Each structure stands twice: as C-alpha cells, then as structure tokens.
C-alpha cells in the first residue's frame, strides 16, 4: 500500500463547552473494488461522525464533501468544504489503487469476474470532558479488508500492528519512516482532539438533544421452521445509541444465547435502532414482552406482544404488505449499517 501526500491542519484556542460526557470524532472510509448496482452503495464513501452522528459525507458519484448537520453548514467556512472535497477526491484515488494491491496480495484476482471486496479505514479519537477539562481517552487508526482486521496503529508504542502476513509489507514500510508514526500519534492525541472540541462547541445544542426509543413487538412465520414464529422486539428512533433491551417471557428475560440480535444500527436521521428476535412455537400461549431501558427514560418501556402473527393467515394481504415494508426497512438499515460498521482504512499521513 502506497502513501499519498501529507495534509496537516492545526487548530488552537478552542473553547470547550461543558457537556460532561465522553465524546468521539471518527472518520470512516470505505472503498469497493467494483461498482454495485444498488441504491445508496458507491465505490467510495467517506463519513464523519461526531458522537456517532453524521457531520459530513462524500461519495464517488457526487464527489462533493457536504455537511450533514445544519450547524456544520452554518459554522464552517466555504473553503473548509472546498478543501475537504479535494482531500476526499485524493483519498478516493489512493483507495482505488490500494484495493487492487490488496486483492493481489490476497490472491483475489484470479477470477474472470472478480468477487466484491472492500477496503476500509477508521481513524479518530475519544475524550472525556467534565468541568471544562479535557481528558484524552484513546485514538484509533485501523484498516480492514473484507471486514477483517488488516492493520492498526499502536498509539502507545508508535508502531503499526500487522495481524495477518499480507499486512507485513505495509507495516515495515510505514514503520521505517518514524516521522510518519510521530505524525499519526500527534494527529490522534492533538489535532483530532482539537477538531473534536471545536465541533463540540459548534454543535453543543444538537448534542444535548436526546431521543426516546419507540418500541414495537411483532411476530411472523419462521422462514426455517413451519411450526414456529419469529418474535421480534424493535426499538428505534433513540439517541444516544447506548440502550438495553430484553425479550421476556412471563417477565423473565430470555437467555442471550436464545436471542438473535441485530446490534445497534444507525437510522438515516441520526438516531439508532436495535432488533432482537427469538423463535417460539406457533401455539405458544405465554406472555412475551420487550423490556427497554435508555438514558432518556425515567422508567423502562415494556411493550407486550399481542400474540398476533401478521403473515400467518393466507388471506392476510394487508398484514403481509405491512410485514414486507418492515422487512424492507430493516434490510435497508442493515445496508447502511454495513457501510458504517466496517469503518477502518487509509494511511498514517492521510488525514483531515
């Protein structure tokens, strides 16, 4: 993997508002080796996340870095977006070259029609802010290939870690230039923190806006066992993303090994969703409910399952249509989540 030109931005004199919580700033880049004919999926995307909320976005089709928050559009000068667009275009070209390099290293170039492969980079920092004092918690700079860890930066020892043999050439090349590793450490511990605190000040009102979860309990026919139903608890529309959900039977939480979880996934509006499902017998008459706790709630939400199955009746056309919409929304949510969750790509000097 080659190294693009170094771009360094320094900030100073940042005033920090008192929010009193951990905060994070991450940039996530994803590059595919070929175009995918699916809406919203691009060969290259770049996403900025402040406290898990999208603040800027770029894709290989529009090729423009755009704000995703009103306060970002209002506070950041036009040249910030112009420079950001040029930076993203440069990274897009770098990724295109290095996807091909990694495919060769992984021996993924023998097929006449190559399979889909993804190279990703995530870098950023986390802080704790209380009473106006900033404490650096950690910095992350890591790469993945096809969703598996490929290379990561050891901030404490200023060196790269290669968990797979194919990453060794890149590790050696980058570690042989100490100034680049010094820059990476400086970016994570200083520059990233400066940007984070600056954005916190600009977006302090939006960051304080929390959203309560909307909870649903529903069931449909199991796709693998005709004698069973899939009972699902869905919590959506909540922020921040930390939430706890249990599927309960007679007010007793079912063991987690019996429950399938989607994990917390982002919605398109800055909120999150979580889905947990369990298989039950069609004739099960037990009382099931969804038990959800969140920082916005004074007391837990308990949503009782009404013991109905929306697609169990052959004549239930309306229920089937509604069920199809629910499934489609969950699939779309999963596609968006896949692009965000796999965040991990770039080079040590390739930054803001």
Protein backbone atom coordinates (compact mmCIF):
# COMPACT_ATOMS: atom_id res chain seq x y z
CA UNK A 1 0.00 0.00 0.00
CA UNK A 2 1.46 3.33 -1.07
CA UNK A 3 1.39 6.62 0.78
CA UNK A 4 -0.35 9.79 -0.52
CA UNK A 5 0.71 13.36 0.19
CA UNK A 6 0.71 14.58 3.78
CA UNK A 7 -2.01 17.07 4.71
CA UNK A 8 -1.83 18.59 8.20
CA UNK A 9 -4.23 21.09 9.74
CA UNK A 10 -3.57 22.72 13.13
CA UNK A 11 -6.12 24.34 15.41
CA UNK A 12 -5.60 26.40 18.52
CA UNK A 13 -7.52 28.46 21.02
CA UNK A 14 -10.56 26.20 21.07
CA UNK A 15 -13.20 26.98 23.66
CA UNK A 16 -14.88 23.88 25.09
CA UNK A 17 -18.43 23.85 26.35
CA UNK A 18 -19.28 21.91 29.49
CA UNK A 19 -21.11 18.79 28.39
CA UNK A 20 -19.77 16.33 30.97
CA UNK A 21 -19.81 13.13 28.86
CA UNK A 22 -17.43 11.08 26.75
CA UNK A 23 -17.24 12.31 23.16
CA UNK A 24 -15.81 10.89 19.96
CA UNK A 25 -14.85 12.00 16.47
CA UNK A 26 -14.27 9.38 13.79
CA UNK A 27 -13.82 9.36 10.04
CA UNK A 28 -14.75 6.23 8.14
CA UNK A 29 -13.72 5.47 4.55
CA UNK A 30 -14.98 2.53 2.51
CA UNK A 31 -13.85 1.51 -0.98
CA UNK A 32 -15.17 -1.31 -3.15
CA UNK A 33 -13.23 -2.94 -5.98
CA UNK A 34 -16.16 -2.53 -8.38
CA UNK A 35 -19.45 -0.74 -8.79
CA UNK A 36 -22.51 -2.30 -7.15
CA UNK A 37 -25.92 -1.67 -8.79
CA UNK A 38 -27.70 -0.92 -5.53
CA UNK A 39 -29.18 2.43 -4.49
CA UNK A 40 -27.03 4.29 -1.99
CA UNK A 41 -24.00 1.99 -2.47
CA UNK A 42 -20.94 3.60 -4.06
CA UNK A 43 -17.40 2.53 -4.94
CA UNK A 44 -16.06 5.02 -2.42
CA UNK A 45 -17.66 6.76 0.58
CA UNK A 46 -16.33 8.92 3.40
CA UNK A 47 -18.29 9.70 6.54
CA UNK A 48 -17.50 11.93 9.52
CA UNK A 49 -19.11 11.02 12.85
CA UNK A 50 -19.30 13.20 15.96
CA UNK A 51 -20.69 11.25 18.91
CA UNK A 52 -21.96 8.71 16.36
CA UNK A 53 -23.89 11.38 14.44
CA UNK A 54 -23.02 12.05 10.80
CA UNK A 55 -21.49 15.51 10.36
CA UNK A 56 -20.16 15.26 6.78
CA UNK A 57 -20.37 12.90 3.83
CA UNK A 58 -18.77 12.21 0.45
CA UNK A 59 -19.36 9.58 -2.23
CA UNK A 60 -17.75 8.75 -5.54
CA UNK A 61 -20.83 9.71 -7.55
CA UNK A 62 -21.43 13.30 -6.38
CA UNK A 63 -17.75 13.84 -5.45
CA UNK A 64 -18.54 16.69 -3.07
CA UNK A 65 -17.97 16.79 0.69
CA UNK A 66 -21.23 18.02 2.19
CA UNK A 67 -22.42 18.89 5.72
CA UNK A 68 -24.89 16.53 7.39
CA UNK A 69 -25.73 18.88 10.27
CA UNK A 70 -27.18 22.38 9.99
CA UNK A 71 -24.65 23.73 12.45
CA UNK A 72 -21.78 22.35 10.36
CA UNK A 73 -23.14 24.17 7.31
CA UNK A 74 -23.55 27.40 9.30
CA UNK A 75 -20.26 27.38 11.22
CA UNK A 76 -17.72 26.02 8.73
CA UNK A 77 -16.48 28.39 6.02
CA UNK A 78 -16.87 27.55 2.29
CA UNK A 79 -13.12 26.89 1.93
CA UNK A 80 -13.44 24.13 4.56
CA UNK A 81 -15.78 22.24 2.22
CA UNK A 82 -13.70 23.04 -0.87
CA UNK A 83 -10.52 21.73 0.75
CA UNK A 84 -12.42 18.78 2.17
CA UNK A 85 -13.72 17.87 -1.29
CA UNK A 86 -10.22 17.92 -2.76
CA UNK A 87 -8.95 15.80 0.14
CA UNK A 88 -11.71 13.24 -0.36
CA UNK A 89 -11.01 13.06 -4.11
CA UNK A 90 -7.35 12.38 -3.37
CA UNK A 91 -8.25 9.63 -0.91
CA UNK A 92 -10.66 8.11 -3.43
CA UNK A 93 -7.81 7.68 -5.91
CA UNK A 94 -5.50 6.29 -3.23
CA UNK A 95 -8.10 3.73 -2.23
CA UNK A 96 -8.74 2.69 -5.81
CA UNK A 97 -5.04 1.85 -6.25
CA UNK A 98 -4.69 0.06 -2.91
CA UNK A 99 -7.81 -2.07 -3.27
CA UNK A 100 -6.13 -3.58 -6.35
CA UNK A 101 -2.85 -4.05 -4.46
CA UNK A 102 -4.55 -5.87 -1.58
CA UNK A 103 -6.57 -8.06 -3.93
CA UNK A 104 -3.28 -9.20 -5.47
CA UNK A 105 -1.76 -9.86 -2.04
CA UNK A 106 -4.82 -11.84 -1.01
CA UNK A 107 -4.82 -13.72 -4.35
CA UNK A 108 -8.27 -12.44 -5.18
CA UNK A 109 -7.51 -11.54 -8.80
CA UNK A 110 -7.75 -14.94 -10.48
CA UNK A 111 -11.48 -14.84 -11.25
CA UNK A 112 -12.65 -13.62 -14.66
CA UNK A 113 -15.41 -11.75 -12.86
CA UNK A 114 -13.88 -10.68 -9.51
CA UNK A 115 -15.87 -11.04 -6.33
CA UNK A 116 -16.79 -7.97 -4.32
CA UNK A 117 -14.06 -6.81 -1.92
CA UNK A 118 -13.91 -3.84 0.44
CA UNK A 119 -11.02 -1.88 1.91
CA UNK A 120 -11.84 0.32 4.88
CA UNK A 121 -10.21 2.78 7.22
CA UNK A 122 -11.35 4.27 10.50
CA UNK A 123 -9.43 6.87 12.42
CA UNK A 124 -10.31 9.29 15.19
CA UNK A 125 -10.25 9.96 18.90
CA UNK A 126 -12.30 9.81 22.09
CA UNK A 127 -12.19 12.22 25.02
CA UNK A 128 -13.84 12.76 28.37
CA UNK A 129 -14.97 16.32 29.13
CA UNK A 130 -16.04 17.40 32.61
CA UNK A 131 -16.00 20.82 34.25
CA UNK A 132 -14.19 22.27 31.26
CA UNK A 133 -11.31 19.79 31.49
CA UNK A 134 -10.46 17.57 28.53
CA UNK A 135 -9.02 14.10 29.10
CA UNK A 136 -7.76 12.15 26.09
CA UNK A 137 -9.11 8.59 26.29
CA UNK A 138 -7.82 6.90 23.17
CA UNK A 139 -7.04 7.26 19.49
CA UNK A 140 -7.82 4.70 16.82
CA UNK A 141 -6.27 4.31 13.38
CA UNK A 142 -7.11 0.96 11.82
CA UNK A 143 -7.66 -0.73 8.49
CA UNK A 144 -9.73 -3.70 7.43
CA UNK A 145 -10.05 -5.81 4.31
CA UNK A 146 -13.33 -7.62 3.68
CA UNK A 147 -14.39 -6.81 7.23
CA UNK A 148 -11.37 -8.41 8.89
CA UNK A 149 -8.65 -6.52 10.73
CA UNK A 150 -5.73 -5.80 8.44
CA UNK A 151 -3.56 -3.17 10.12
CA UNK A 152 -3.81 -0.99 13.24
CA UNK A 153 -1.72 1.69 14.93
CA UNK A 154 -0.33 1.11 18.42
CA UNK A 155 -0.55 4.66 19.76
CA UNK A 156 1.39 3.96 22.98
CA UNK A 157 4.41 2.49 21.20
CA UNK A 158 4.12 4.43 17.92
CA UNK A 159 4.18 1.40 15.66
CA UNK A 160 1.87 -0.50 13.32
CA UNK A 161 0.46 -3.92 14.18
CA UNK A 162 0.00 -6.45 11.37
CA UNK A 163 -2.31 -9.32 12.40
CA UNK A 164 -2.04 -11.05 9.01
CA UNK A 165 1.06 -11.84 6.87
CA UNK A 166 -0.29 -9.82 3.92
CA UNK A 167 -0.07 -6.65 6.03
CA UNK A 168 3.60 -7.09 6.90
CA UNK A 169 4.98 -5.22 3.83
CA UNK A 170 2.89 -2.15 4.68
CA UNK A 171 3.82 -2.32 8.36
CA UNK A 172 7.53 -2.44 7.55
CA UNK A 173 7.28 0.39 5.04
CA UNK A 174 5.43 2.72 7.41
CA UNK A 175 7.50 1.85 10.50
CA UNK A 176 10.68 2.64 8.55
CA UNK A 177 9.62 6.33 8.44
CA UNK A 178 9.44 7.34 12.15
CA UNK A 179 8.24 10.86 11.34
CA UNK A 180 5.06 9.42 9.85
CA UNK A 181 4.32 7.45 13.01
CA UNK A 182 5.03 10.57 15.06
CA UNK A 183 2.54 12.44 12.91
CA UNK A 184 -0.06 9.72 13.38
CA UNK A 185 0.32 9.88 17.16
CA UNK A 186 0.20 13.67 17.08
CA UNK A 187 -2.93 13.62 14.95
CA UNK A 188 -4.77 11.23 17.25
CA UNK A 189 -3.79 12.93 20.50
CA UNK A 190 -3.75 16.59 19.45
CA UNK A 191 -5.18 17.54 16.08
CA UNK A 192 -8.14 15.17 16.29
CA UNK A 193 -8.90 16.35 19.83
CA UNK A 194 -8.77 19.99 18.66
CA UNK A 195 -11.26 19.28 15.88
CA UNK A 196 -13.44 17.31 18.26
CA UNK A 197 -13.62 20.08 20.85
CA UNK A 198 -14.23 22.67 18.13
CA UNK A 199 -17.13 20.65 16.71
CA UNK A 200 -18.50 20.08 20.23
CA UNK A 201 -18.67 23.82 20.77
CA UNK A 202 -20.36 24.41 17.41
CA UNK A 203 -22.85 21.57 17.84
CA UNK A 204 -23.42 21.72 21.60
CA UNK A 205 -27.18 22.27 21.32
CA UNK A 206 -27.65 19.38 18.90
CA UNK A 207 -25.51 17.11 21.06
CA UNK A 208 -27.78 17.72 24.03
CA UNK A 209 -30.87 16.63 22.08
CA UNK A 210 -31.70 13.09 23.15
CA UNK A 211 -34.46 10.96 21.63
CA UNK A 212 -36.56 8.32 23.34
CA UNK A 213 -36.87 4.85 21.80
CA UNK A 214 -40.06 3.81 20.03
CA UNK A 215 -40.64 0.14 20.88
CA UNK A 216 -42.56 -2.49 18.88
CA UNK A 217 -43.28 -6.20 19.41
CA UNK A 218 -44.39 -8.31 16.45
CA UNK A 219 -44.21 -11.86 15.11
CA UNK A 220 -44.09 -13.52 11.71
CA UNK A 221 -43.74 -17.03 10.37
CA UNK A 222 -40.32 -18.58 10.76
CA UNK A 223 -38.52 -19.00 7.44
CA UNK A 224 -36.75 -22.15 8.63
CA UNK A 225 -39.38 -23.99 10.69
CA UNK A 226 -43.05 -24.07 9.67
CA UNK A 227 -44.08 -24.88 13.22
CA UNK A 228 -42.52 -21.77 14.73
CA UNK A 229 -42.80 -17.99 14.77
CA UNK A 230 -40.08 -15.39 14.90
CA UNK A 231 -40.95 -12.97 17.69
CA UNK A 232 -39.15 -9.63 17.34
CA UNK A 233 -38.59 -6.67 19.64
CA UNK A 234 -37.69 -3.50 17.78
CA UNK A 235 -36.54 -0.26 19.44
CA UNK A 236 -35.93 2.62 17.05
CA UNK A 237 -35.50 6.39 16.92
CA UNK A 238 -33.32 6.65 20.04
CA UNK A 239 -30.21 8.73 20.76
CA UNK A 240 -27.63 8.31 22.18
CA UNK A 241 -27.02 4.79 20.94
CA UNK A 242 -26.48 3.08 24.31
CA UNK A 243 -29.63 1.08 25.01
CA UNK A 244 -30.55 -2.15 26.80
CA UNK A 245 -33.26 -4.47 25.54
CA UNK A 246 -34.50 -7.82 26.80
CA UNK A 247 -37.01 -10.23 25.29
CA UNK A 248 -39.00 -11.51 28.25
CA UNK A 249 -41.28 -14.48 28.86
CA UNK A 250 -43.59 -14.10 31.84
CA UNK A 251 -41.46 -11.03 32.78
CA UNK A 252 -38.27 -13.09 32.92
CA UNK A 253 -35.52 -12.21 30.44
CA UNK A 254 -34.70 -14.98 27.99
CA UNK A 255 -31.04 -16.13 27.93
CA UNK A 256 -28.99 -14.23 25.36
CA UNK A 257 -27.88 -17.44 23.63
CA UNK A 258 -31.52 -17.99 22.60
CA UNK A 259 -31.86 -14.47 21.20
CA UNK A 260 -30.66 -13.16 17.84
CA UNK A 261 -29.57 -9.51 17.93
CA UNK A 262 -29.04 -7.11 15.04
CA UNK A 263 -26.75 -4.95 17.14
CA UNK A 264 -27.34 -1.23 17.41
CA UNK A 265 -27.75 0.18 13.89
CA UNK A 266 -27.94 3.77 12.66
CA UNK A 267 -31.08 5.21 11.12
CA UNK A 268 -30.78 7.84 8.44
CA UNK A 269 -31.75 10.72 10.74
CA UNK A 270 -29.02 10.48 13.38
CA UNK A 271 -30.97 8.11 15.64
CA UNK A 272 -30.49 4.37 16.16
CA UNK A 273 -32.37 1.08 16.16
CA UNK A 274 -31.93 -2.31 17.81
CA UNK A 275 -33.76 -5.52 16.95
CA UNK A 276 -33.80 -8.77 18.95
CA UNK A 277 -35.64 -11.92 17.86
CA UNK A 278 -36.44 -15.32 19.27
CA UNK A 279 -38.05 -18.45 17.82
CA UNK A 280 -41.21 -19.66 19.60
CA UNK A 281 -43.80 -22.35 18.90
CA UNK A 282 -46.83 -21.24 16.88
CA UNK A 283 -49.18 -22.38 19.63
CA UNK A 284 -47.15 -20.79 22.45
CA UNK A 285 -49.60 -19.01 24.79
CA UNK A 286 -47.01 -17.48 27.12
CA UNK A 287 -46.90 -13.74 27.77
CA UNK A 288 -43.95 -12.17 25.94
CA UNK A 289 -42.82 -8.57 26.12
CA UNK A 290 -39.95 -6.25 25.20
CA UNK A 291 -38.16 -4.54 28.08
CA UNK A 292 -36.14 -1.45 27.12
CA UNK A 293 -34.07 0.97 29.19
CA UNK A 294 -32.41 4.16 27.90
CA UNK A 295 -30.91 7.33 29.36
CA UNK A 296 -33.96 9.31 28.16
CA UNK A 297 -36.40 7.16 30.12
CA UNK A 298 -37.40 7.72 33.74
CA UNK A 299 -38.63 4.14 33.82
CA UNK A 300 -38.29 1.22 31.36
CA UNK A 301 -40.60 0.76 28.40
CA UNK A 302 -42.45 -2.57 28.50
CA UNK A 303 -44.14 -3.48 25.21
CA UNK A 304 -46.44 -6.51 25.37
CA UNK A 305 -46.70 -8.81 22.36
CA UNK A 306 -50.37 -9.02 21.28
CA UNK A 307 -49.97 -12.73 20.29
CA UNK A 308 -50.78 -11.96 16.65
CA UNK A 309 -48.82 -13.08 13.62
CA UNK A 310 -49.12 -10.67 10.71
CA UNK A 311 -48.32 -13.14 7.91
CA UNK A 312 -49.79 -16.38 9.28
CA UNK A 313 -53.19 -16.08 7.57
CA UNK A 314 -53.26 -16.84 3.85
CA UNK A 315 -55.88 -14.11 3.38
CA UNK A 316 -53.96 -11.59 5.41
CA UNK A 317 -52.88 -9.47 2.43
CA UNK A 318 -52.71 -6.25 4.41
CA UNK A 319 -50.60 -7.88 7.11
CA UNK A 320 -48.25 -9.34 4.51
CA UNK A 321 -47.81 -5.94 2.87
CA UNK A 322 -47.07 -4.31 6.21
CA UNK A 323 -44.66 -7.12 7.03
CA UNK A 324 -42.89 -6.65 3.71
CA UNK A 325 -42.41 -2.96 4.42
CA UNK A 326 -40.98 -3.73 7.86
CA UNK A 327 -38.54 -6.28 6.41
CA UNK A 328 -37.51 -3.87 3.63
CA UNK A 329 -36.79 -1.12 6.14
CA UNK A 330 -34.69 -3.49 8.23
CA UNK A 331 -32.74 -4.62 5.15
CA UNK A 332 -32.03 -1.03 4.14
CA UNK A 333 -30.97 -0.27 7.69
CA UNK A 334 -28.61 -3.24 7.52
CA UNK A 335 -27.02 -1.98 4.28
CA UNK A 336 -26.35 1.44 5.81
CA UNK A 337 -25.00 -0.20 8.97
CA UNK A 338 -22.66 -2.44 6.97
CA UNK A 339 -21.02 0.59 5.36
CA UNK A 340 -20.60 2.34 8.69
CA UNK A 341 -19.65 -0.56 10.95
CA UNK A 342 -16.79 -1.75 8.78
CA UNK A 343 -15.04 1.59 9.18
CA UNK A 344 -11.23 1.03 9.06
CA UNK A 345 -8.95 2.45 6.15
CA UNK A 346 -6.21 4.90 4.90
CA UNK A 347 -2.54 5.72 5.55
CA UNK A 348 -0.86 7.35 8.57
CA UNK A 349 -0.35 10.70 6.86
CA UNK A 350 -3.72 10.74 5.11
CA UNK A 351 -5.82 12.80 7.46
CA UNK A 352 -8.35 15.66 7.57
